[in-house]
mmCIF file of all heavy atoms, coordinates in Angstrom:
data_MODEL
# 
_entry.id   MODEL 
# 
loop_
_atom_site.group_PDB 
_atom_site.id 
_atom_site.type_symbol 
_atom_site.label_atom_id 
_atom_site.label_alt_id 
_atom_site.label_comp_id 
_atom_site.label_asym_id 
_atom_site.label_entity_id 
_atom_site.label_seq_id 
_atom_site.pdbx_PDB_ins_code 
_atom_site.Cartn_x 
_atom_site.Cartn_y 
_atom_site.Cartn_z 
_atom_site.occupancy 
_atom_site.B_iso_or_equiv 
_atom_site.pdbx_formal_charge 
_atom_site.auth_seq_id 
_atom_site.auth_comp_id 
_atom_site.auth_asym_id 
_atom_site.auth_atom_id 
_atom_site.pdbx_PDB_model_num 
ATOM 1   N N   . GLN A 1 1  ? 155.059 36.962 61.028 1.00 0.00 ? 1  GLN A N   1 
ATOM 2   C CA  . GLN A 1 1  ? 154.474 38.374 61.492 1.00 0.00 ? 1  GLN A CA  1 
ATOM 3   C C   . GLN A 1 1  ? 153.076 38.430 61.007 1.00 0.00 ? 1  GLN A C   1 
ATOM 4   O O   . GLN A 1 1  ? 152.414 39.507 61.381 1.00 0.00 ? 1  GLN A O   1 
ATOM 5   C CB  . GLN A 1 1  ? 155.325 39.440 60.770 1.00 0.00 ? 1  GLN A CB  1 
ATOM 6   C CG  . GLN A 1 1  ? 156.750 39.471 61.510 1.00 0.00 ? 1  GLN A CG  1 
ATOM 7   C CD  . GLN A 1 1  ? 157.581 40.503 60.739 1.00 0.00 ? 1  GLN A CD  1 
ATOM 8   O OE1 . GLN A 1 1  ? 157.109 41.357 59.871 1.00 0.00 ? 1  GLN A OE1 1 
ATOM 9   N NE2 . GLN A 1 1  ? 158.869 40.484 60.993 1.00 0.00 ? 1  GLN A NE2 1 
ATOM 10  N N   . GLY A 1 2  ? 152.524 37.463 60.277 1.00 0.00 ? 2  GLY A N   1 
ATOM 11  C CA  . GLY A 1 2  ? 151.098 37.523 59.747 1.00 0.00 ? 2  GLY A CA  1 
ATOM 12  C C   . GLY A 1 2  ? 150.934 38.409 58.589 1.00 0.00 ? 2  GLY A C   1 
ATOM 13  O O   . GLY A 1 2  ? 149.836 38.681 58.129 1.00 0.00 ? 2  GLY A O   1 
ATOM 14  N N   . LYS A 1 3  ? 152.044 38.727 57.918 1.00 0.00 ? 3  LYS A N   1 
ATOM 15  C CA  . LYS A 1 3  ? 152.055 39.470 56.620 1.00 0.00 ? 3  LYS A CA  1 
ATOM 16  C C   . LYS A 1 3  ? 151.976 38.495 55.501 1.00 0.00 ? 3  LYS A C   1 
ATOM 17  O O   . LYS A 1 3  ? 152.846 38.336 54.816 1.00 0.00 ? 3  LYS A O   1 
ATOM 18  C CB  . LYS A 1 3  ? 153.186 40.430 56.541 1.00 0.00 ? 3  LYS A CB  1 
ATOM 19  C CG  . LYS A 1 3  ? 153.320 41.405 57.736 1.00 0.00 ? 3  LYS A CG  1 
ATOM 20  C CD  . LYS A 1 3  ? 154.505 42.361 57.603 1.00 0.00 ? 3  LYS A CD  1 
ATOM 21  C CE  . LYS A 1 3  ? 154.560 43.320 58.827 1.00 0.00 ? 3  LYS A CE  1 
ATOM 22  N NZ  . LYS A 1 3  ? 155.695 44.058 58.828 1.00 0.00 ? 3  LYS A NZ  1 
ATOM 23  N N   . LEU A 1 4  ? 150.751 37.836 55.354 1.00 0.00 ? 4  LEU A N   1 
ATOM 24  C CA  . LEU A 1 4  ? 150.776 36.735 54.411 1.00 0.00 ? 4  LEU A CA  1 
ATOM 25  C C   . LEU A 1 4  ? 150.842 37.098 52.973 1.00 0.00 ? 4  LEU A C   1 
ATOM 26  O O   . LEU A 1 4  ? 151.433 36.331 52.268 1.00 0.00 ? 4  LEU A O   1 
ATOM 27  C CB  . LEU A 1 4  ? 149.485 35.921 54.822 1.00 0.00 ? 4  LEU A CB  1 
ATOM 28  C CG  . LEU A 1 4  ? 149.357 35.331 56.185 1.00 0.00 ? 4  LEU A CG  1 
ATOM 29  C CD1 . LEU A 1 4  ? 148.121 34.608 56.475 1.00 0.00 ? 4  LEU A CD1 1 
ATOM 30  C CD2 . LEU A 1 4  ? 150.586 34.604 56.628 1.00 0.00 ? 4  LEU A CD2 1 
ATOM 31  N N   . VAL A 1 5  ? 150.129 38.194 52.657 1.00 0.00 ? 5  VAL A N   1 
ATOM 32  C CA  . VAL A 1 5  ? 150.331 38.463 51.167 1.00 0.00 ? 5  VAL A CA  1 
ATOM 33  C C   . VAL A 1 5  ? 151.825 38.915 50.801 1.00 0.00 ? 5  VAL A C   1 
ATOM 34  O O   . VAL A 1 5  ? 152.206 38.411 49.710 1.00 0.00 ? 5  VAL A O   1 
ATOM 35  C CB  . VAL A 1 5  ? 149.243 39.684 50.739 1.00 0.00 ? 5  VAL A CB  1 
ATOM 36  C CG1 . VAL A 1 5  ? 149.523 40.120 49.502 1.00 0.00 ? 5  VAL A CG1 1 
ATOM 37  C CG2 . VAL A 1 5  ? 147.823 39.188 51.044 1.00 0.00 ? 5  VAL A CG2 1 
ATOM 38  N N   . GLU A 1 6  ? 152.316 39.679 51.606 1.00 0.00 ? 6  GLU A N   1 
ATOM 39  C CA  . GLU A 1 6  ? 153.834 40.098 51.380 1.00 0.00 ? 6  GLU A CA  1 
ATOM 40  C C   . GLU A 1 6  ? 154.703 38.777 51.294 1.00 0.00 ? 6  GLU A C   1 
ATOM 41  O O   . GLU A 1 6  ? 155.669 38.732 50.533 1.00 0.00 ? 6  GLU A O   1 
ATOM 42  C CB  . GLU A 1 6  ? 154.325 40.978 52.366 1.00 0.00 ? 6  GLU A CB  1 
ATOM 43  C CG  . GLU A 1 6  ? 153.750 42.340 52.371 1.00 0.00 ? 6  GLU A CG  1 
ATOM 44  C CD  . GLU A 1 6  ? 154.147 43.370 53.545 1.00 0.00 ? 6  GLU A CD  1 
ATOM 45  O OE1 . GLU A 1 6  ? 155.423 43.392 53.679 1.00 0.00 ? 6  GLU A OE1 1 
ATOM 46  O OE2 . GLU A 1 6  ? 153.352 43.688 54.213 1.00 0.00 ? 6  GLU A OE2 1 
ATOM 47  N N   . SER A 1 7  ? 154.401 37.845 52.333 1.00 0.00 ? 7  SER A N   1 
ATOM 48  C CA  . SER A 1 7  ? 155.082 36.659 52.251 1.00 0.00 ? 7  SER A CA  1 
ATOM 49  C C   . SER A 1 7  ? 154.936 35.814 51.067 1.00 0.00 ? 7  SER A C   1 
ATOM 50  O O   . SER A 1 7  ? 155.999 35.315 50.548 1.00 0.00 ? 7  SER A O   1 
ATOM 51  C CB  . SER A 1 7  ? 154.583 35.785 53.548 1.00 0.00 ? 7  SER A CB  1 
ATOM 52  O OG  . SER A 1 7  ? 155.375 34.597 53.614 1.00 0.00 ? 7  SER A OG  1 
ATOM 53  N N   . LEU A 1 8  ? 153.758 35.724 50.619 1.00 0.00 ? 8  LEU A N   1 
ATOM 54  C CA  . LEU A 1 8  ? 153.544 35.001 49.493 1.00 0.00 ? 8  LEU A CA  1 
ATOM 55  C C   . LEU A 1 8  ? 154.305 35.584 48.196 1.00 0.00 ? 8  LEU A C   1 
ATOM 56  O O   . LEU A 1 8  ? 154.871 34.818 47.350 1.00 0.00 ? 8  LEU A O   1 
ATOM 57  C CB  . LEU A 1 8  ? 152.005 34.872 49.064 1.00 0.00 ? 8  LEU A CB  1 
ATOM 58  C CG  . LEU A 1 8  ? 151.585 34.101 47.790 1.00 0.00 ? 8  LEU A CG  1 
ATOM 59  C CD1 . LEU A 1 8  ? 152.076 32.628 47.988 1.00 0.00 ? 8  LEU A CD1 1 
ATOM 60  C CD2 . LEU A 1 8  ? 150.091 34.163 47.739 1.00 0.00 ? 8  LEU A CD2 1 
ATOM 61  N N   . ASN A 1 9  ? 154.090 36.801 48.035 1.00 0.00 ? 9  ASN A N   1 
ATOM 62  C CA  . ASN A 1 9  ? 154.958 37.527 46.938 1.00 0.00 ? 9  ASN A CA  1 
ATOM 63  C C   . ASN A 1 9  ? 156.469 37.350 47.058 1.00 0.00 ? 9  ASN A C   1 
ATOM 64  O O   . ASN A 1 9  ? 157.155 37.187 46.032 1.00 0.00 ? 9  ASN A O   1 
ATOM 65  C CB  . ASN A 1 9  ? 154.608 38.946 46.913 1.00 0.00 ? 9  ASN A CB  1 
ATOM 66  C CG  . ASN A 1 9  ? 153.245 39.271 46.481 1.00 0.00 ? 9  ASN A CG  1 
ATOM 67  O OD1 . ASN A 1 9  ? 152.629 38.455 45.830 1.00 0.00 ? 9  ASN A OD1 1 
ATOM 68  N ND2 . ASN A 1 9  ? 152.533 40.340 46.967 1.00 0.00 ? 9  ASN A ND2 1 
ATOM 69  N N   . THR A 1 10 ? 156.979 37.307 48.285 1.00 0.00 ? 10 THR A N   1 
ATOM 70  C CA  . THR A 1 10 ? 158.420 37.142 48.499 1.00 0.00 ? 10 THR A CA  1 
ATOM 71  C C   . THR A 1 10 ? 158.752 35.696 48.166 1.00 0.00 ? 10 THR A C   1 
ATOM 72  O O   . THR A 1 10 ? 159.749 35.367 47.611 1.00 0.00 ? 10 THR A O   1 
ATOM 73  C CB  . THR A 1 10 ? 158.763 37.533 49.895 1.00 0.00 ? 10 THR A CB  1 
ATOM 74  O OG1 . THR A 1 10 ? 158.406 38.901 50.187 1.00 0.00 ? 10 THR A OG1 1 
ATOM 75  C CG2 . THR A 1 10 ? 160.335 37.519 50.170 1.00 0.00 ? 10 THR A CG2 1 
ATOM 76  N N   . PHE A 1 11 ? 157.945 34.770 48.642 1.00 0.00 ? 11 PHE A N   1 
ATOM 77  C CA  . PHE A 1 11 ? 158.205 33.315 48.343 1.00 0.00 ? 11 PHE A CA  1 
ATOM 78  C C   . PHE A 1 11 ? 158.313 33.102 46.792 1.00 0.00 ? 11 PHE A C   1 
ATOM 79  O O   . PHE A 1 11 ? 159.158 32.472 46.206 1.00 0.00 ? 11 PHE A O   1 
ATOM 80  C CB  . PHE A 1 11 ? 157.082 32.411 48.863 1.00 0.00 ? 11 PHE A CB  1 
ATOM 81  C CG  . PHE A 1 11 ? 157.324 31.841 50.276 1.00 0.00 ? 11 PHE A CG  1 
ATOM 82  C CD1 . PHE A 1 11 ? 156.372 32.100 51.235 1.00 0.00 ? 11 PHE A CD1 1 
ATOM 83  C CD2 . PHE A 1 11 ? 158.546 31.235 50.625 1.00 0.00 ? 11 PHE A CD2 1 
ATOM 84  C CE1 . PHE A 1 11 ? 156.568 31.538 52.451 1.00 0.00 ? 11 PHE A CE1 1 
ATOM 85  C CE2 . PHE A 1 11 ? 158.772 30.851 51.957 1.00 0.00 ? 11 PHE A CE2 1 
ATOM 86  C CZ  . PHE A 1 11 ? 157.746 30.939 52.801 1.00 0.00 ? 11 PHE A CZ  1 
ATOM 87  N N   . LYS A 1 12 ? 157.333 33.679 46.050 1.00 0.00 ? 12 LYS A N   1 
ATOM 88  C CA  . LYS A 1 12 ? 157.351 33.572 44.624 1.00 0.00 ? 12 LYS A CA  1 
ATOM 89  C C   . LYS A 1 12 ? 158.491 34.195 44.028 1.00 0.00 ? 12 LYS A C   1 
ATOM 90  O O   . LYS A 1 12 ? 159.017 33.603 42.973 1.00 0.00 ? 12 LYS A O   1 
ATOM 91  C CB  . LYS A 1 12 ? 156.077 34.266 44.062 1.00 0.00 ? 12 LYS A CB  1 
ATOM 92  C CG  . LYS A 1 12 ? 154.731 33.367 44.426 1.00 0.00 ? 12 LYS A CG  1 
ATOM 93  C CD  . LYS A 1 12 ? 153.496 34.093 43.792 1.00 0.00 ? 12 LYS A CD  1 
ATOM 94  C CE  . LYS A 1 12 ? 152.253 33.133 44.030 1.00 0.00 ? 12 LYS A CE  1 
ATOM 95  N NZ  . LYS A 1 12 ? 151.030 33.676 43.491 1.00 0.00 ? 12 LYS A NZ  1 
ATOM 96  N N   . GLU A 1 13 ? 159.017 35.303 44.510 1.00 0.00 ? 13 GLU A N   1 
ATOM 97  C CA  . GLU A 1 13 ? 160.184 35.985 43.962 1.00 0.00 ? 13 GLU A CA  1 
ATOM 98  C C   . GLU A 1 13 ? 161.360 34.981 44.275 1.00 0.00 ? 13 GLU A C   1 
ATOM 99  O O   . GLU A 1 13 ? 162.194 34.769 43.246 1.00 0.00 ? 13 GLU A O   1 
ATOM 100 C CB  . GLU A 1 13 ? 160.528 37.234 44.644 1.00 0.00 ? 13 GLU A CB  1 
ATOM 101 C CG  . GLU A 1 13 ? 161.559 38.015 43.981 1.00 0.00 ? 13 GLU A CG  1 
ATOM 102 C CD  . GLU A 1 13 ? 161.707 39.382 44.651 1.00 0.00 ? 13 GLU A CD  1 
ATOM 103 O OE1 . GLU A 1 13 ? 160.862 39.908 45.358 1.00 0.00 ? 13 GLU A OE1 1 
ATOM 104 O OE2 . GLU A 1 13 ? 162.739 40.080 44.166 1.00 0.00 ? 13 GLU A OE2 1 
ATOM 105 N N   . ALA A 1 14 ? 161.498 34.361 45.556 1.00 0.00 ? 14 ALA A N   1 
ATOM 106 C CA  . ALA A 1 14 ? 162.581 33.442 45.703 1.00 0.00 ? 14 ALA A CA  1 
ATOM 107 C C   . ALA A 1 14 ? 162.502 32.263 44.865 1.00 0.00 ? 14 ALA A C   1 
ATOM 108 O O   . ALA A 1 14 ? 163.543 31.760 44.279 1.00 0.00 ? 14 ALA A O   1 
ATOM 109 C CB  . ALA A 1 14 ? 162.480 32.928 47.158 1.00 0.00 ? 14 ALA A CB  1 
ATOM 110 N N   . LEU A 1 15 ? 161.183 31.740 44.681 1.00 0.00 ? 15 LEU A N   1 
ATOM 111 C CA  . LEU A 1 15 ? 161.004 30.653 43.855 1.00 0.00 ? 15 LEU A CA  1 
ATOM 112 C C   . LEU A 1 15 ? 161.537 30.814 42.487 1.00 0.00 ? 15 LEU A C   1 
ATOM 113 O O   . LEU A 1 15 ? 162.167 29.856 41.739 1.00 0.00 ? 15 LEU A O   1 
ATOM 114 C CB  . LEU A 1 15 ? 159.557 30.221 43.838 1.00 0.00 ? 15 LEU A CB  1 
ATOM 115 C CG  . LEU A 1 15 ? 159.193 28.883 43.110 1.00 0.00 ? 15 LEU A CG  1 
ATOM 116 C CD1 . LEU A 1 15 ? 159.993 27.616 43.696 1.00 0.00 ? 15 LEU A CD1 1 
ATOM 117 C CD2 . LEU A 1 15 ? 157.655 28.628 43.180 1.00 0.00 ? 15 LEU A CD2 1 
ATOM 118 N N   . ASN A 1 16 ? 161.202 31.851 41.805 1.00 0.00 ? 16 ASN A N   1 
ATOM 119 C CA  . ASN A 1 16 ? 161.615 32.217 40.503 1.00 0.00 ? 16 ASN A CA  1 
ATOM 120 C C   . ASN A 1 16 ? 163.140 32.196 40.405 1.00 0.00 ? 16 ASN A C   1 
ATOM 121 O O   . ASN A 1 16 ? 163.746 31.675 39.389 1.00 0.00 ? 16 ASN A O   1 
ATOM 122 C CB  . ASN A 1 16 ? 161.082 33.477 40.007 1.00 0.00 ? 16 ASN A CB  1 
ATOM 123 C CG  . ASN A 1 16 ? 159.564 33.388 39.672 1.00 0.00 ? 16 ASN A CG  1 
ATOM 124 O OD1 . ASN A 1 16 ? 159.051 32.385 39.352 1.00 0.00 ? 16 ASN A OD1 1 
ATOM 125 N ND2 . ASN A 1 16 ? 158.984 34.628 39.712 1.00 0.00 ? 16 ASN A ND2 1 
ATOM 126 N N   . LEU A 1 17 ? 163.886 32.687 41.404 1.00 0.00 ? 17 LEU A N   1 
ATOM 127 C CA  . LEU A 1 17 ? 165.293 32.733 41.363 1.00 0.00 ? 17 LEU A CA  1 
ATOM 128 C C   . LEU A 1 17 ? 165.966 31.238 41.532 1.00 0.00 ? 17 LEU A C   1 
ATOM 129 O O   . LEU A 1 17 ? 166.750 30.857 40.813 1.00 0.00 ? 17 LEU A O   1 
ATOM 130 C CB  . LEU A 1 17 ? 165.889 33.480 42.497 1.00 0.00 ? 17 LEU A CB  1 
ATOM 131 C CG  . LEU A 1 17 ? 165.817 34.998 42.285 1.00 0.00 ? 17 LEU A CG  1 
ATOM 132 C CD1 . LEU A 1 17 ? 166.244 35.754 43.505 1.00 0.00 ? 17 LEU A CD1 1 
ATOM 133 C CD2 . LEU A 1 17 ? 166.634 35.458 41.031 1.00 0.00 ? 17 LEU A CD2 1 
ATOM 134 N N   . PHE A 1 18 ? 165.252 30.417 42.388 1.00 0.00 ? 18 PHE A N   1 
ATOM 135 C CA  . PHE A 1 18 ? 165.679 29.079 42.551 1.00 0.00 ? 18 PHE A CA  1 
ATOM 136 C C   . PHE A 1 18 ? 165.471 28.198 41.320 1.00 0.00 ? 18 PHE A C   1 
ATOM 137 O O   . PHE A 1 18 ? 166.450 27.445 40.927 1.00 0.00 ? 18 PHE A O   1 
ATOM 138 C CB  . PHE A 1 18 ? 164.907 28.388 43.713 1.00 0.00 ? 18 PHE A CB  1 
ATOM 139 C CG  . PHE A 1 18 ? 165.455 28.686 44.955 1.00 0.00 ? 18 PHE A CG  1 
ATOM 140 C CD1 . PHE A 1 18 ? 164.420 29.151 46.015 1.00 0.00 ? 18 PHE A CD1 1 
ATOM 141 C CD2 . PHE A 1 18 ? 166.682 28.629 45.397 1.00 0.00 ? 18 PHE A CD2 1 
ATOM 142 C CE1 . PHE A 1 18 ? 164.873 29.489 47.278 1.00 0.00 ? 18 PHE A CE1 1 
ATOM 143 C CE2 . PHE A 1 18 ? 167.121 28.934 46.783 1.00 0.00 ? 18 PHE A CE2 1 
ATOM 144 C CZ  . PHE A 1 18 ? 166.206 29.399 47.655 1.00 0.00 ? 18 PHE A CZ  1 
ATOM 145 N N   . ILE A 1 19 ? 164.355 28.556 40.570 1.00 0.00 ? 19 ILE A N   1 
ATOM 146 C CA  . ILE A 1 19 ? 164.095 27.875 39.202 1.00 0.00 ? 19 ILE A CA  1 
ATOM 147 C C   . ILE A 1 19 ? 165.188 28.309 38.245 1.00 0.00 ? 19 ILE A C   1 
ATOM 148 O O   . ILE A 1 19 ? 165.772 27.491 37.571 1.00 0.00 ? 19 ILE A O   1 
ATOM 149 C CB  . ILE A 1 19 ? 162.723 28.167 38.784 1.00 0.00 ? 19 ILE A CB  1 
ATOM 150 C CG1 . ILE A 1 19 ? 161.734 27.479 39.568 1.00 0.00 ? 19 ILE A CG1 1 
ATOM 151 C CG2 . ILE A 1 19 ? 162.604 27.761 37.314 1.00 0.00 ? 19 ILE A CG2 1 
ATOM 152 C CD1 . ILE A 1 19 ? 160.277 27.923 39.409 1.00 0.00 ? 19 ILE A CD1 1 
ATOM 153 N N   . GLU A 1 20 ? 165.496 29.591 38.190 1.00 0.00 ? 20 GLU A N   1 
ATOM 154 C CA  . GLU A 1 20 ? 166.403 30.130 37.267 1.00 0.00 ? 20 GLU A CA  1 
ATOM 155 C C   . GLU A 1 20 ? 167.843 29.550 37.661 1.00 0.00 ? 20 GLU A C   1 
ATOM 156 O O   . GLU A 1 20 ? 168.681 29.212 36.632 1.00 0.00 ? 20 GLU A O   1 
ATOM 157 C CB  . GLU A 1 20 ? 166.553 31.591 37.532 1.00 0.00 ? 20 GLU A CB  1 
ATOM 158 C CG  . GLU A 1 20 ? 167.221 32.408 36.407 1.00 0.00 ? 20 GLU A CG  1 
ATOM 159 C CD  . GLU A 1 20 ? 167.031 34.019 36.681 1.00 0.00 ? 20 GLU A CD  1 
ATOM 160 O OE1 . GLU A 1 20 ? 165.897 34.355 36.875 1.00 0.00 ? 20 GLU A OE1 1 
ATOM 161 O OE2 . GLU A 1 20 ? 168.165 34.589 36.736 1.00 0.00 ? 20 GLU A OE2 1 
ATOM 162 N N   . LEU A 1 21 ? 168.076 29.338 38.804 1.00 0.00 ? 21 LEU A N   1 
ATOM 163 C CA  . LEU A 1 21 ? 169.527 28.783 39.271 1.00 0.00 ? 21 LEU A CA  1 
ATOM 164 C C   . LEU A 1 21 ? 169.520 27.268 39.060 1.00 0.00 ? 21 LEU A C   1 
ATOM 165 O O   . LEU A 1 21 ? 170.601 26.715 39.271 1.00 0.00 ? 21 LEU A O   1 
ATOM 166 C CB  . LEU A 1 21 ? 169.663 29.133 40.691 1.00 0.00 ? 21 LEU A CB  1 
ATOM 167 C CG  . LEU A 1 21 ? 170.035 30.664 40.946 1.00 0.00 ? 21 LEU A CG  1 
ATOM 168 C CD1 . LEU A 1 21 ? 169.927 30.968 42.529 1.00 0.00 ? 21 LEU A CD1 1 
ATOM 169 C CD2 . LEU A 1 21 ? 171.326 30.940 40.382 1.00 0.00 ? 21 LEU A CD2 1 
ATOM 170 N N   . ASN A 1 22 ? 168.426 26.693 38.816 1.00 0.00 ? 22 ASN A N   1 
ATOM 171 C CA  . ASN A 1 22 ? 168.202 25.108 38.763 1.00 0.00 ? 22 ASN A CA  1 
ATOM 172 C C   . ASN A 1 22 ? 168.636 24.537 40.109 1.00 0.00 ? 22 ASN A C   1 
ATOM 173 O O   . ASN A 1 22 ? 169.236 23.445 40.112 1.00 0.00 ? 22 ASN A O   1 
ATOM 174 C CB  . ASN A 1 22 ? 169.069 24.608 37.435 1.00 0.00 ? 22 ASN A CB  1 
ATOM 175 C CG  . ASN A 1 22 ? 168.628 23.164 37.245 1.00 0.00 ? 22 ASN A CG  1 
ATOM 176 O OD1 . ASN A 1 22 ? 167.461 22.825 37.380 1.00 0.00 ? 22 ASN A OD1 1 
ATOM 177 N ND2 . ASN A 1 22 ? 169.524 22.240 36.911 1.00 0.00 ? 22 ASN A ND2 1 
ATOM 178 N N   . ASP A 1 23 ? 168.298 25.215 41.198 1.00 0.00 ? 23 ASP A N   1 
ATOM 179 C CA  . ASP A 1 23 ? 168.597 24.790 42.562 1.00 0.00 ? 23 ASP A CA  1 
ATOM 180 C C   . ASP A 1 23 ? 167.265 23.937 42.975 1.00 0.00 ? 23 ASP A C   1 
ATOM 181 O O   . ASP A 1 23 ? 166.297 24.587 43.533 1.00 0.00 ? 23 ASP A O   1 
ATOM 182 C CB  . ASP A 1 23 ? 168.806 25.966 43.431 1.00 0.00 ? 23 ASP A CB  1 
ATOM 183 C CG  . ASP A 1 23 ? 169.159 25.517 44.845 1.00 0.00 ? 23 ASP A CG  1 
ATOM 184 O OD1 . ASP A 1 23 ? 168.793 24.517 45.323 1.00 0.00 ? 23 ASP A OD1 1 
ATOM 185 O OD2 . ASP A 1 23 ? 169.614 26.374 45.609 1.00 0.00 ? 23 ASP A OD2 1 
ATOM 186 N N   . ILE A 1 24 ? 167.234 22.686 42.886 1.00 0.00 ? 24 ILE A N   1 
ATOM 187 C CA  . ILE A 1 24 ? 166.156 21.865 43.057 1.00 0.00 ? 24 ILE A CA  1 
ATOM 188 C C   . ILE A 1 24 ? 165.790 21.764 44.644 1.00 0.00 ? 24 ILE A C   1 
ATOM 189 O O   . ILE A 1 24 ? 164.663 21.871 44.868 1.00 0.00 ? 24 ILE A O   1 
ATOM 190 C CB  . ILE A 1 24 ? 166.346 20.470 42.451 1.00 0.00 ? 24 ILE A CB  1 
ATOM 191 C CG1 . ILE A 1 24 ? 166.497 20.465 40.899 1.00 0.00 ? 24 ILE A CG1 1 
ATOM 192 C CG2 . ILE A 1 24 ? 165.234 19.546 42.931 1.00 0.00 ? 24 ILE A CG2 1 
ATOM 193 C CD1 . ILE A 1 24 ? 167.070 19.219 40.304 1.00 0.00 ? 24 ILE A CD1 1 
ATOM 194 N N   . TYR A 1 25 ? 166.840 21.695 45.376 1.00 0.00 ? 25 TYR A N   1 
ATOM 195 C CA  . TYR A 1 25 ? 166.650 21.626 46.855 1.00 0.00 ? 25 TYR A CA  1 
ATOM 196 C C   . TYR A 1 25 ? 166.043 22.988 47.282 1.00 0.00 ? 25 TYR A C   1 
ATOM 197 O O   . TYR A 1 25 ? 165.143 22.981 48.147 1.00 0.00 ? 25 TYR A O   1 
ATOM 198 C CB  . TYR A 1 25 ? 167.927 21.374 47.573 1.00 0.00 ? 25 TYR A CB  1 
ATOM 199 C CG  . TYR A 1 25 ? 167.779 21.346 49.078 1.00 0.00 ? 25 TYR A CG  1 
ATOM 200 C CD1 . TYR A 1 25 ? 167.109 20.231 49.667 1.00 0.00 ? 25 TYR A CD1 1 
ATOM 201 C CD2 . TYR A 1 25 ? 168.180 22.347 49.826 1.00 0.00 ? 25 TYR A CD2 1 
ATOM 202 C CE1 . TYR A 1 25 ? 166.846 20.230 51.050 1.00 0.00 ? 25 TYR A CE1 1 
ATOM 203 C CE2 . TYR A 1 25 ? 167.967 22.245 51.236 1.00 0.00 ? 25 TYR A CE2 1 
ATOM 204 C CZ  . TYR A 1 25 ? 167.453 21.120 51.938 1.00 0.00 ? 25 TYR A CZ  1 
ATOM 205 O OH  . TYR A 1 25 ? 167.170 21.221 53.145 1.00 0.00 ? 25 TYR A OH  1 
ATOM 206 N N   . GLY A 1 26 ? 166.581 24.164 46.857 1.00 0.00 ? 26 GLY A N   1 
ATOM 207 C CA  . GLY A 1 26 ? 165.976 25.426 47.235 1.00 0.00 ? 26 GLY A CA  1 
ATOM 208 C C   . GLY A 1 26 ? 164.659 25.593 46.768 1.00 0.00 ? 26 GLY A C   1 
ATOM 209 O O   . GLY A 1 26 ? 163.796 26.160 47.399 1.00 0.00 ? 26 GLY A O   1 
ATOM 210 N N   . GLU A 1 27 ? 164.349 25.109 45.583 1.00 0.00 ? 27 GLU A N   1 
ATOM 211 C CA  . GLU A 1 27 ? 163.029 25.125 45.096 1.00 0.00 ? 27 GLU A CA  1 
ATOM 212 C C   . GLU A 1 27 ? 162.080 24.335 45.958 1.00 0.00 ? 27 GLU A C   1 
ATOM 213 O O   . GLU A 1 27 ? 160.964 24.743 46.255 1.00 0.00 ? 27 GLU A O   1 
ATOM 214 C CB  . GLU A 1 27 ? 163.035 24.500 43.626 1.00 0.00 ? 27 GLU A CB  1 
ATOM 215 C CG  . GLU A 1 27 ? 161.960 24.900 42.713 1.00 0.00 ? 27 GLU A CG  1 
ATOM 216 C CD  . GLU A 1 27 ? 162.007 24.322 41.329 1.00 0.00 ? 27 GLU A CD  1 
ATOM 217 O OE1 . GLU A 1 27 ? 163.148 24.075 40.801 1.00 0.00 ? 27 GLU A OE1 1 
ATOM 218 O OE2 . GLU A 1 27 ? 161.035 24.135 40.728 1.00 0.00 ? 27 GLU A OE2 1 
# 
């Protein structure tokens, strides 16, 4: 949708959860 800053923040939130879960593929 072109909402790049919001997208980046959301990706980072997801990434932190994947790291916390030790989900290497998700990461």
